[in-house]
PDB file of N, CA and C in Angstrom:
ATOM      1  N   MET A   1     103.790 318.223 -12.078  1.00  0.00           N
ATOM      2  CA  MET A   1     104.425 317.018 -10.923  1.00  0.00           C
ATOM      3  C   MET A   1     103.299 317.431  -9.623  1.00  0.00           C
ATOM      4  N   ARG A   2     103.253 316.310  -9.022  1.00  0.00           N
ATOM      5  CA  ARG A   2     102.298 317.007  -7.804  1.00  0.00           C
ATOM      6  C   ARG A   2     102.921 316.062  -6.304  1.00  0.00           C
ATOM      7  N   ASP A   3     103.507 316.276  -5.274  1.00  0.00           N
ATOM      8  CA  ASP A   3     103.757 315.365  -4.346  1.00  0.00           C
ATOM      9  C   ASP A   3     102.683 315.357  -3.732  1.00  0.00           C
ATOM     10  N   TYR A   4     102.914 314.172  -2.318  1.00  0.00           N
ATOM     11  CA  TYR A   4     101.986 313.185  -1.800  1.00  0.00           C
ATOM     12  C   TYR A   4     100.963 314.076  -1.200  1.00  0.00           C
ATOM     13  N   GLY A   5     100.884 315.347  -1.202  1.00  0.00           N
ATOM     14  CA  GLY A   5     100.034 315.872  -0.522  1.00  0.00           C
ATOM     15  C   GLY A   5      98.806 316.510  -1.678  1.00  0.00           C
ATOM     16  N   GLY A   6      99.506 316.454  -2.740  1.00  0.00           N
ATOM     17  CA  GLY A   6      98.558 316.664  -4.083  1.00  0.00           C
ATOM     18  C   GLY A   6      98.651 318.455  -4.941  1.00  0.00           C
ATOM     19  N   ARG A   7     100.068 319.235  -3.577  1.00  0.00           N
ATOM     20  CA  ARG A   7     100.483 319.976  -4.132  1.00  0.00           C
ATOM     21  C   ARG A   7     101.108 320.079  -5.550  1.00  0.00           C
ATOM     22  N   VAL A   8     101.493 320.926  -6.599  1.00  0.00           N
ATOM     23  CA  VAL A   8     101.933 321.568  -7.679  1.00  0.00           C
ATOM     24  C   VAL A   8     103.312 321.727  -7.503  1.00  0.00           C
ATOM     25  N   LEU A   9     104.181 320.905  -8.117  1.00  0.00           N
ATOM     26  CA  LEU A   9     105.514 321.235  -7.562  1.00  0.00           C
ATOM     27  C   LEU A   9     105.996 322.458  -8.696  1.00  0.00           C
ATOM     28  N   ASP A  10     106.356 323.275  -8.356  1.00  0.00           N
ATOM     29  CA  ASP A  10     106.536 324.509  -8.891  1.00  0.00           C
ATOM     30  C   ASP A  10     107.910 323.843 -10.164  1.00  0.00           C
ATOM     31  N   ALA A  11     107.479 324.320 -11.286  1.00  0.00           N
ATOM     32  CA  ALA A  11     108.840 323.926 -12.617  1.00  0.00           C
ATOM     33  C   ALA A  11     109.605 325.048 -11.834  1.00  0.00           C
ATOM     34  N   VAL A  12     109.379 326.196 -11.556  1.00  0.00           N
ATOM     35  CA  VAL A  12     110.925 326.846 -11.547  1.00  0.00           C
ATOM     36  C   VAL A  12     111.645 326.682 -10.214  1.00  0.00           C
ATOM     37  N   LYS A  13     111.351 325.935  -9.349  1.00  0.00           N
ATOM     38  CA  LYS A  13     111.740 325.645  -7.969  1.00  0.00           C
ATOM     39  C   LYS A  13     112.707 324.502  -8.153  1.00  0.00           C
ATOM     40  N   TYR A  14     111.469 323.601  -8.989  1.00  0.00           N
ATOM     41  CA  TYR A  14     112.342 321.785  -9.124  1.00  0.00           C
ATOM     42  C   TYR A  14     112.748 321.959 -10.594  1.00  0.00           C
ATOM     43  N   PRO A  15     113.819 322.154 -11.019  1.00  0.00           N
ATOM     44  CA  PRO A  15     113.854 322.118 -12.525  1.00  0.00           C
ATOM     45  C   PRO A  15     114.493 320.765 -12.540  1.00  0.00           C
ATOM     46  N   LYS A  16     114.426 320.287 -13.839  1.00  0.00           N
ATOM     47  CA  LYS A  16     114.264 319.189 -13.887  1.00  0.00           C
ATOM     48  C   LYS A  16     115.911 318.866 -13.406  1.00  0.00           C
ATOM     49  N   MET A  17     115.137 317.406 -12.698  1.00  0.00           N
ATOM     50  CA  MET A  17     117.431 317.519 -12.427  1.00  0.00           C
ATOM     51  C   MET A  17     118.226 316.093 -12.352  1.00  0.00           C
ATOM     52  N   LYS A  18     119.068 316.760 -12.485  1.00  0.00           N
ATOM     53  CA  LYS A  18     120.378 315.542 -12.646  1.00  0.00           C
ATOM     54  C   LYS A  18     120.528 314.166 -11.810  1.00  0.00           C
ATOM     55  N   LEU A  19     120.314 312.799 -11.623  1.00  0.00           N
ATOM     56  CA  LEU A  19     120.069 312.289 -10.620  1.00  0.00           C
ATOM     57  C   LEU A  19     121.765 312.050 -11.104  1.00  0.00           C
ATOM     58  N   ILE A  20     121.998 311.263  -9.676  1.00  0.00           N
ATOM     59  CA  ILE A  20     123.669 311.099  -9.542  1.00  0.00           C
ATOM     60  C   ILE A  20     122.915 309.769  -8.883  1.00  0.00           C
ATOM     61  N   PRO A  21     123.757 308.610  -9.224  1.00  0.00           N
ATOM     62  CA  PRO A  21     123.190 307.126  -8.694  1.00  0.00           C
ATOM     63  C   PRO A  21     124.081 307.326  -7.116  1.00  0.00           C
ATOM     64  N   ILE A  22     123.506 306.694  -6.252  1.00  0.00           N
ATOM     65  CA  ILE A  22     123.606 306.370  -4.565  1.00  0.00           C
ATOM     66  C   ILE A  22     123.531 305.228  -4.006  1.00  0.00           C
ATOM     67  N   GLN A  23     124.364 304.489  -3.301  1.00  0.00           N
ATOM     68  CA  GLN A  23     123.799 303.623  -2.716  1.00  0.00           C
ATOM     69  C   GLN A  23     123.809 304.406  -1.269  1.00  0.00           C
ATOM     70  N   VAL A  24     122.192 303.639  -0.950  1.00  0.00           N
ATOM     71  CA  VAL A  24     121.650 304.166   0.575  1.00  0.00           C
ATOM     72  C   VAL A  24     121.387 302.836   1.538  1.00  0.00           C
ATOM     73  N   GLU A  25     120.939 303.005   2.570  1.00  0.00           N
ATOM     74  CA  GLU A  25     121.078 301.966   3.691  1.00  0.00           C
ATOM     75  C   GLU A  25     119.810 302.701   4.599  1.00  0.00           C
ATOM     76  N   CYS A  26     118.919 301.309   4.121  1.00  0.00           N
ATOM     77  CA  CYS A  26     117.398 301.732   4.694  1.00  0.00           C
ATOM     78  C   CYS A  26     116.970 301.290   6.130  1.00  0.00           C
ATOM     79  N   TYR A  27     115.800 301.770   6.668  1.00  0.00           N
ATOM     80  CA  TYR A  27     115.193 301.102   8.025  1.00  0.00           C
ATOM     81  C   TYR A  27     114.313 300.448   7.023  1.00  0.00           C
ATOM     82  N   ALA A  28     114.131 299.121   7.255  1.00  0.00           N
ATOM     83  CA  ALA A  28     113.289 298.382   7.008  1.00  0.00           C
ATOM     84  C   ALA A  28     111.939 297.985   8.117  1.00  0.00           C
ATOM     85  N   GLY A  29     110.825 298.397   7.453  1.00  0.00           N
ATOM     86  CA  GLY A  29     109.466 298.337   8.906  1.00  0.00           C
ATOM     87  C   GLY A  29     109.031 297.463   8.142  1.00  0.00           C
ATOM     88  N   THR A  30     107.705 297.606   7.827  1.00  0.00           N
ATOM     89  CA  THR A  30     106.818 296.953   7.422  1.00  0.00           C
ATOM     90  C   THR A  30     107.082 296.405   6.057  1.00  0.00           C
ATOM     91  N   LYS A  31     107.679 297.321   5.020  1.00  0.00           N
ATOM     92  CA  LYS A  31     108.458 297.389   3.962  1.00  0.00           C
ATOM     93  C   LYS A  31     109.688 297.014   3.582  1.00  0.00           C
ATOM     94  N   ALA A  32     110.320 296.422   2.923  1.00  0.00           N
ATOM     95  CA  ALA A  32     112.289 296.734   2.465  1.00  0.00           C
ATOM     96  C   ALA A  32     112.043 298.302   1.997  1.00  0.00           C
ATOM     97  N   ASP A  33     113.514 298.660   2.833  1.00  0.00           N
ATOM     98  CA  ASP A  33     113.777 300.093   2.226  1.00  0.00           C
ATOM     99  C   ASP A  33     112.610 301.426   2.313  1.00  0.00           C
ATOM    100  N   GLU A  34     112.088 301.183   3.580  1.00  0.00           N
ATOM    101  CA  GLU A  34     111.402 302.110   4.020  1.00  0.00           C
ATOM    102  C   GLU A  34     111.481 303.554   4.391  1.00  0.00           C
ATOM    103  N   THR A  35     112.760 303.594   4.789  1.00  0.00           N
ATOM    104  CA  THR A  35     112.788 304.775   4.980  1.00  0.00           C
ATOM    105  C   THR A  35     114.858 304.926   5.337  1.00  0.00           C
ATOM    106  N   PRO A  36     115.480 306.141   4.370  1.00  0.00           N
ATOM    107  CA  PRO A  36     117.159 305.885   4.314  1.00  0.00           C
ATOM    108  C   PRO A  36     117.566 306.581   5.679  1.00  0.00           C
ATOM    109  N   ARG A  37     118.707 305.809   5.573  1.00  0.00           N
ATOM    110  CA  ARG A  37     119.176 306.278   7.404  1.00  0.00           C
ATOM    111  C   ARG A  37     120.676 306.594   7.026  1.00  0.00           C
ATOM    112  N   ARG A  38     120.945 306.121   5.874  1.00  0.00           N
ATOM    113  CA  ARG A  38     122.852 306.862   5.761  1.00  0.00           C
ATOM    114  C   ARG A  38     122.711 306.289   4.241  1.00  0.00           C
ATOM    115  N   PHE A  39     123.610 307.409   3.331  1.00  0.00           N
ATOM    116  CA  PHE A  39     123.659 307.235   2.214  1.00  0.00           C
ATOM    117  C   PHE A  39     125.209 307.879   1.880  1.00  0.00           C
ATOM    118  N   PHE A  40     125.529 307.471   0.627  1.00  0.00           N
ATOM    119  CA  PHE A  40     127.066 307.705   0.264  1.00  0.00           C
ATOM    120  C   PHE A  40     127.098 308.746  -1.114  1.00  0.00           C
ATOM    121  N   ARG A  41     127.413 309.902  -0.332  1.00  0.00           N
ATOM    122  CA  ARG A  41     127.983 310.755  -1.380  1.00  0.00           C
ATOM    123  C   ARG A  41     129.739 311.109  -1.704  1.00  0.00           C
ATOM    124  N   GLU A  42     129.892 310.588  -2.632  1.00  0.00           N
ATOM    125  CA  GLU A  42     131.269 310.653  -3.482  1.00  0.00           C
ATOM    126  C   GLU A  42     132.006 309.907  -2.203  1.00  0.00           C
ATOM    127  N   GLY A  43     131.740 308.583  -1.999  1.00  0.00           N
ATOM    128  CA  GLY A  43     132.327 307.752  -1.583  1.00  0.00           C
ATOM    129  C   GLY A  43     132.125 308.069  -0.094  1.00  0.00           C
ATOM    130  N   GLN A  44     131.740 309.305   0.804  1.00  0.00           N
ATOM    131  CA  GLN A  44     131.860 309.389   2.026  1.00  0.00           C
ATOM    132  C   GLN A  44     130.098 309.078   2.606  1.00  0.00           C
ATOM    133  N   PRO A  45     129.744 308.781   3.620  1.00  0.00           N
ATOM    134  CA  PRO A  45     128.799 308.235   4.583  1.00  0.00           C
ATOM    135  C   PRO A  45     128.210 309.933   4.888  1.00  0.00           C
ATOM    136  N   VAL A  46     126.774 310.119   4.491  1.00  0.00           N
ATOM    137  CA  VAL A  46     126.087 310.822   5.400  1.00  0.00           C
ATOM    138  C   VAL A  46     125.253 310.383   5.985  1.00  0.00           C
ATOM    139  N   GLU A  47     125.028 310.299   7.442  1.00  0.00           N
ATOM    140  CA  GLU A  47     123.774 309.517   7.910  1.00  0.00           C
ATOM    141  C   GLU A  47     122.609 311.211   7.762  1.00  0.00           C
ATOM    142  N   VAL A  48     121.279 310.389   7.945  1.00  0.00           N
ATOM    143  CA  VAL A  48     120.293 310.824   7.765  1.00  0.00           C
ATOM    144  C   VAL A  48     119.677 311.368   9.208  1.00  0.00           C
ATOM    145  N   GLU A  49     119.484 312.656   9.730  1.00  0.00           N
ATOM    146  CA  GLU A  49     119.109 313.178  10.967  1.00  0.00           C
ATOM    147  C   GLU A  49     117.833 313.011  11.119  1.00  0.00           C
ATOM    148  N   GLU A  50     117.066 313.559   9.847  1.00  0.00           N
ATOM    149  CA  GLU A  50     115.422 313.886  10.012  1.00  0.00           C
ATOM    150  C   GLU A  50     115.166 313.395   8.528  1.00  0.00           C
ATOM    151  N   VAL A  51     113.865 312.991   8.394  1.00  0.00           N
ATOM    152  CA  VAL A  51     113.215 312.916   7.113  1.00  0.00           C
ATOM    153  C   VAL A  51     112.106 314.133   7.176  1.00  0.00           C
ATOM    154  N   LEU A  52     112.478 315.353   6.344  1.00  0.00           N
ATOM    155  CA  LEU A  52     111.259 316.269   6.554  1.00  0.00           C
ATOM    156  C   LEU A  52     110.174 316.169   5.580  1.00  0.00           C
ATOM    157  N   ASP A  53     110.348 315.288   4.583  1.00  0.00           N
ATOM    158  CA  ASP A  53     109.259 315.104   3.897  1.00  0.00           C
ATOM    159  C   ASP A  53     109.438 313.975   3.005  1.00  0.00           C
ATOM    160  N   ARG A  54     108.337 313.424   2.229  1.00  0.00           N
ATOM    161  CA  ARG A  54     108.309 311.986   1.660  1.00  0.00           C
ATOM    162  C   ARG A  54     107.208 312.255   0.861  1.00  0.00           C
ATOM    163  N   TRP A  55     107.003 311.468  -0.271  1.00  0.00           N
ATOM    164  CA  TRP A  55     105.747 311.729  -1.377  1.00  0.00           C
ATOM    165  C   TRP A  55     106.149 310.494  -2.351  1.00  0.00           C
ATOM    166  N   HIS A  56     105.276 310.517  -2.876  1.00  0.00           N
ATOM    167  CA  HIS A  56     105.175 308.903  -4.177  1.00  0.00           C
ATOM    168  C   HIS A  56     104.774 309.675  -5.417  1.00  0.00           C
ATOM    169  N   GLN A  57     105.709 309.091  -6.260  1.00  0.00           N
ATOM    170  CA  GLN A  57     105.228 308.722  -7.746  1.00  0.00           C
ATOM    171  C   GLN A  57     104.317 307.649  -7.990  1.00  0.00           C
ATOM    172  N   VAL A  58     102.740 307.694  -8.302  1.00  0.00           N
ATOM    173  CA  VAL A  58     102.236 306.893  -8.222  1.00  0.00           C
ATOM    174  C   VAL A  58     101.808 306.030  -9.430  1.00  0.00           C
ATOM    175  N   GLU A  59     101.815 306.588 -10.405  1.00  0.00           N
ATOM    176  CA  GLU A  59     101.644 306.461 -11.636  1.00  0.00           C
ATOM    177  C   GLU A  59     102.952 306.267 -12.326  1.00  0.00           C
ATOM    178  N   SER A  60     102.720 304.758 -13.190  1.00  0.00           N
ATOM    179  CA  SER A  60     104.069 304.486 -13.701  1.00  0.00           C
ATOM    180  C   SER A  60     104.094 304.774 -14.973  1.00  0.00           C
ATOM    181  N   LYS A  61     104.665 305.510 -15.583  1.00  0.00           N
ATOM    182  CA  LYS A  61     104.798 306.083 -17.066  1.00  0.00           C
ATOM    183  C   LYS A  61     106.616 306.024 -17.326  1.00  0.00           C
ATOM    184  N   PRO A  62     107.354 305.620 -18.562  1.00  0.00           N
ATOM    185  CA  PRO A  62     108.674 305.356 -19.126  1.00  0.00           C
ATOM    186  C   PRO A  62     109.220 306.488 -18.577  1.00  0.00           C
ATOM    187  N   GLU A  63     108.768 307.825 -18.830  1.00  0.00           N
ATOM    188  CA  GLU A  63     109.507 308.895 -18.374  1.00  0.00           C
ATOM    189  C   GLU A  63     109.772 309.346 -17.240  1.00  0.00           C
ATOM    190  N   TRP A  64     108.792 308.479 -16.058  1.00  0.00           N
ATOM    191  CA  TRP A  64     108.563 308.861 -14.718  1.00  0.00           C
ATOM    192  C   TRP A  64     107.934 307.401 -14.081  1.00  0.00           C
ATOM    193  N   PRO A  65     108.809 306.468 -13.680  1.00  0.00           N
ATOM    194  CA  PRO A  65     108.801 305.478 -13.490  1.00  0.00           C
ATOM    195  C   PRO A  65     108.111 305.400 -11.697  1.00  0.00           C
ATOM    196  N   ARG A  66     107.488 304.483 -11.250  1.00  0.00           N
ATOM    197  CA  ARG A  66     106.934 304.293  -9.818  1.00  0.00           C
ATOM    198  C   ARG A  66     108.154 304.896  -8.800  1.00  0.00           C
ATOM    199  N   ALA A  67     107.625 305.790  -7.892  1.00  0.00           N
ATOM    200  CA  ALA A  67     109.231 306.215  -6.864  1.00  0.00           C
ATOM    201  C   ALA A  67     108.771 306.880  -5.547  1.00  0.00           C
ATOM    202  N   ASP A  68     109.316 306.684  -4.659  1.00  0.00           N
ATOM    203  CA  ASP A  68     108.914 307.486  -3.769  1.00  0.00           C
ATOM    204  C   ASP A  68     110.258 308.460  -3.436  1.00  0.00           C
ATOM    205  N   TYR A  69     110.034 309.738  -3.276  1.00  0.00           N
ATOM    206  CA  TYR A  69     110.596 310.549  -2.841  1.00  0.00           C
ATOM    207  C   TYR A  69     111.013 311.112  -1.212  1.00  0.00           C
ATOM    208  N   PHE A  70     112.286 311.404  -1.214  1.00  0.00           N
ATOM    209  CA  PHE A  70     112.494 311.696   0.814  1.00  0.00           C
ATOM    210  C   PHE A  70     113.615 313.043   0.817  1.00  0.00           C
ATOM    211  N   LYS A  71     113.290 314.056   0.979  1.00  0.00           N
ATOM    212  CA  LYS A  71     113.858 315.209   1.443  1.00  0.00           C
ATOM    213  C   LYS A  71     113.992 314.860   2.945  1.00  0.00           C
ATOM    214  N   VAL A  72     115.544 315.105   2.739  1.00  0.00           N
ATOM    215  CA  VAL A  72     116.463 314.968   4.207  1.00  0.00           C
ATOM    216  C   VAL A  72     117.271 315.851   4.549  1.00  0.00           C
ATOM    217  N   ARG A  73     117.184 315.847   5.929  1.00  0.00           N
ATOM    218  CA  ARG A  73     118.381 316.586   6.543  1.00  0.00           C
ATOM    219  C   ARG A  73     119.836 315.948   7.319  1.00  0.00           C
ATOM    220  N   GLY A  74     120.608 315.858   5.955  1.00  0.00           N
ATOM    221  CA  GLY A  74     121.934 315.105   6.700  1.00  0.00           C
ATOM    222  C   GLY A  74     122.262 315.606   8.209  1.00  0.00           C
ATOM    223  N   ALA A  75     123.353 315.172   8.485  1.00  0.00           N
ATOM    224  CA  ALA A  75     124.052 314.958   9.559  1.00  0.00           C
ATOM    225  C   ALA A  75     125.271 316.130   9.580  1.00  0.00           C
ATOM    226  N   ASP A  76     125.258 316.250   8.335  1.00  0.00           N
ATOM    227  CA  ASP A  76     126.377 317.897   7.940  1.00  0.00           C
ATOM    228  C   ASP A  76     125.955 318.786   7.827  1.00  0.00           C
ATOM    229  N   GLY A  77     124.515 318.836   8.139  1.00  0.00           N
ATOM    230  CA  GLY A  77     123.772 320.280   7.598  1.00  0.00           C
ATOM    231  C   GLY A  77     122.823 320.753   6.738  1.00  0.00           C
ATOM    232  N   HIS A  78     123.437 319.838   5.978  1.00  0.00           N
ATOM    233  CA  HIS A  78     122.788 320.007   4.409  1.00  0.00           C
ATOM    234  C   HIS A  78     121.700 319.698   3.994  1.00  0.00           C
ATOM    235  N   GLU A  79     120.631 319.822   3.420  1.00  0.00           N
ATOM    236  CA  GLU A  79     119.225 319.240   2.888  1.00  0.00           C
ATOM    237  C   GLU A  79     119.421 318.736   1.758  1.00  0.00           C
ATOM    238  N   TYR A  80     119.095 317.264   1.378  1.00  0.00           N
ATOM    239  CA  TYR A  80     118.859 316.252   0.494  1.00  0.00           C
ATOM    240  C   TYR A  80     117.741 315.892  -0.485  1.00  0.00           C
ATOM    241  N   LEU A  81     117.724 315.654  -1.858  1.00  0.00           N
ATOM    242  CA  LEU A  81     116.365 315.133  -2.131  1.00  0.00           C
ATOM    243  C   LEU A  81     117.188 313.679  -3.037  1.00  0.00           C
ATOM    244  N   LEU A  82     116.051 312.671  -2.217  1.00  0.00           N
ATOM    245  CA  LEU A  82     116.994 311.338  -2.844  1.00  0.00           C
ATOM    246  C   LEU A  82     115.375 310.582  -3.416  1.00  0.00           C
ATOM    247  N   LYS A  83     115.707 309.974  -4.482  1.00  0.00           N
ATOM    248  CA  LYS A  83     114.633 309.352  -5.096  1.00  0.00           C
ATOM    249  C   LYS A  83     114.818 307.971  -4.614  1.00  0.00           C
ATOM    250  N   HIS A  84     113.605 307.405  -4.821  1.00  0.00           N
ATOM    251  CA  HIS A  84     114.138 305.941  -4.992  1.00  0.00           C
ATOM    252  C   HIS A  84     113.024 304.863  -5.498  1.00  0.00           C
ATOM    253  N   ASP A  85     113.734 304.745  -7.702  1.00  0.00           N
ATOM    254  CA  ASP A  85     112.943 304.240  -8.035  1.00  0.00           C
ATOM    255  C   ASP A  85     112.848 302.789  -8.028  1.00  0.00           C
ATOM    256  N   LEU A  86     111.358 302.409  -7.626  1.00  0.00           N
ATOM    257  CA  LEU A  86     110.934 301.431  -7.205  1.00  0.00           C
ATOM    258  C   LEU A  86     110.969 300.259  -8.193  1.00  0.00           C
ATOM    259  N   GLU A  87     110.740 301.091  -9.212  1.00  0.00           N
ATOM    260  CA  GLU A  87     110.675 299.373 -10.448  1.00  0.00           C
ATOM    261  C   GLU A  87     111.778 298.613 -10.891  1.00  0.00           C
ATOM    262  N   ALA A  88     113.316 300.002 -10.456  1.00  0.00           N
ATOM    263  CA  ALA A  88     114.549 298.783 -10.795  1.00  0.00           C
ATOM    264  C   ALA A  88     115.357 299.274  -9.555  1.00  0.00           C
ATOM    265  N   ASP A  89     114.643 299.645  -8.522  1.00  0.00           N
ATOM    266  CA  ASP A  89     114.921 299.424  -6.862  1.00  0.00           C
ATOM    267  C   ASP A  89     116.691 299.977  -6.836  1.00  0.00           C
ATOM    268  N   GLU A  90     116.415 301.322  -7.635  1.00  0.00           N
ATOM    269  CA  GLU A  90     117.906 301.549  -7.364  1.00  0.00           C
ATOM    270  C   GLU A  90     117.551 303.704  -7.288  1.00  0.00           C
ATOM    271  N   TRP A  91     118.554 303.774  -6.460  1.00  0.00           N
ATOM    272  CA  TRP A  91     118.768 305.689  -5.463  1.00  0.00           C
ATOM    273  C   TRP A  91     119.221 306.158  -6.041  1.00  0.00           C
ATOM    274  N   PHE A  92     118.999 307.215  -6.305  1.00  0.00           N
ATOM    275  CA  PHE A  92     119.503 308.377  -6.952  1.00  0.00           C
ATOM    276  C   PHE A  92     119.250 309.782  -6.024  1.00  0.00           C
ATOM    277  N   LEU A  93     120.869 310.728  -6.000  1.00  0.00           N
ATOM    278  CA  LEU A  93     120.473 311.841  -5.363  1.00  0.00           C
ATOM    279  C   LEU A  93     119.766 313.221  -6.167  1.00  0.00           C
ATOM    280  N   GLY A  94     119.181 313.638  -6.064  1.00  0.00           N
ATOM    281  CA  GLY A  94     118.390 314.534  -6.727  1.00  0.00           C
ATOM    282  C   GLY A  94     118.726 315.679  -6.933  1.00  0.00           C
ATOM    283  N   ARG A  95     118.882 316.358  -5.161  1.00  0.00           N
ATOM    284  CA  ARG A  95     119.327 317.878  -5.115  1.00  0.00           C
ATOM    285  C   ARG A  95     120.653 317.849  -3.899  1.00  0.00           C
ATOM    286  N   GLN A  96     120.545 319.101  -3.435  1.00  0.00           N
ATOM    287  CA  GLN A  96     121.176 318.862  -2.131  1.00  0.00           C
ATOM    288  C   GLN A  96     121.252 320.584  -1.826  1.00  0.00           C
ATOM    289  N   TRP A  97     120.950 321.296  -0.714  1.00  0.00           N
ATOM    290  CA  TRP A  97     120.466 322.529  -0.160  1.00  0.00           C
ATOM    291  C   TRP A  97     121.496 322.576   0.738  1.00  0.00           C
TER     292      TRP A  97
END
């Protein structure tokens, strides 16, 4: 898998993620759900302080549907990887640091 800049993502650093469904509130600019602003983890809101990186899965394959990925820093000081499945319009938490 490659990120938006064409860099190959390291399979050791990013092993297959367990995706946890989450609810996300977004800023809607020129398109809907453009940037996550807040998400709910275990029922608790986490404010997004900063979007650190974002990339797109542009090819649609059954095992990898089109998606936007966001690496964000929460107001709680943790970093999170959020995935927006564009075909199903569902959000997932992929990782927390």
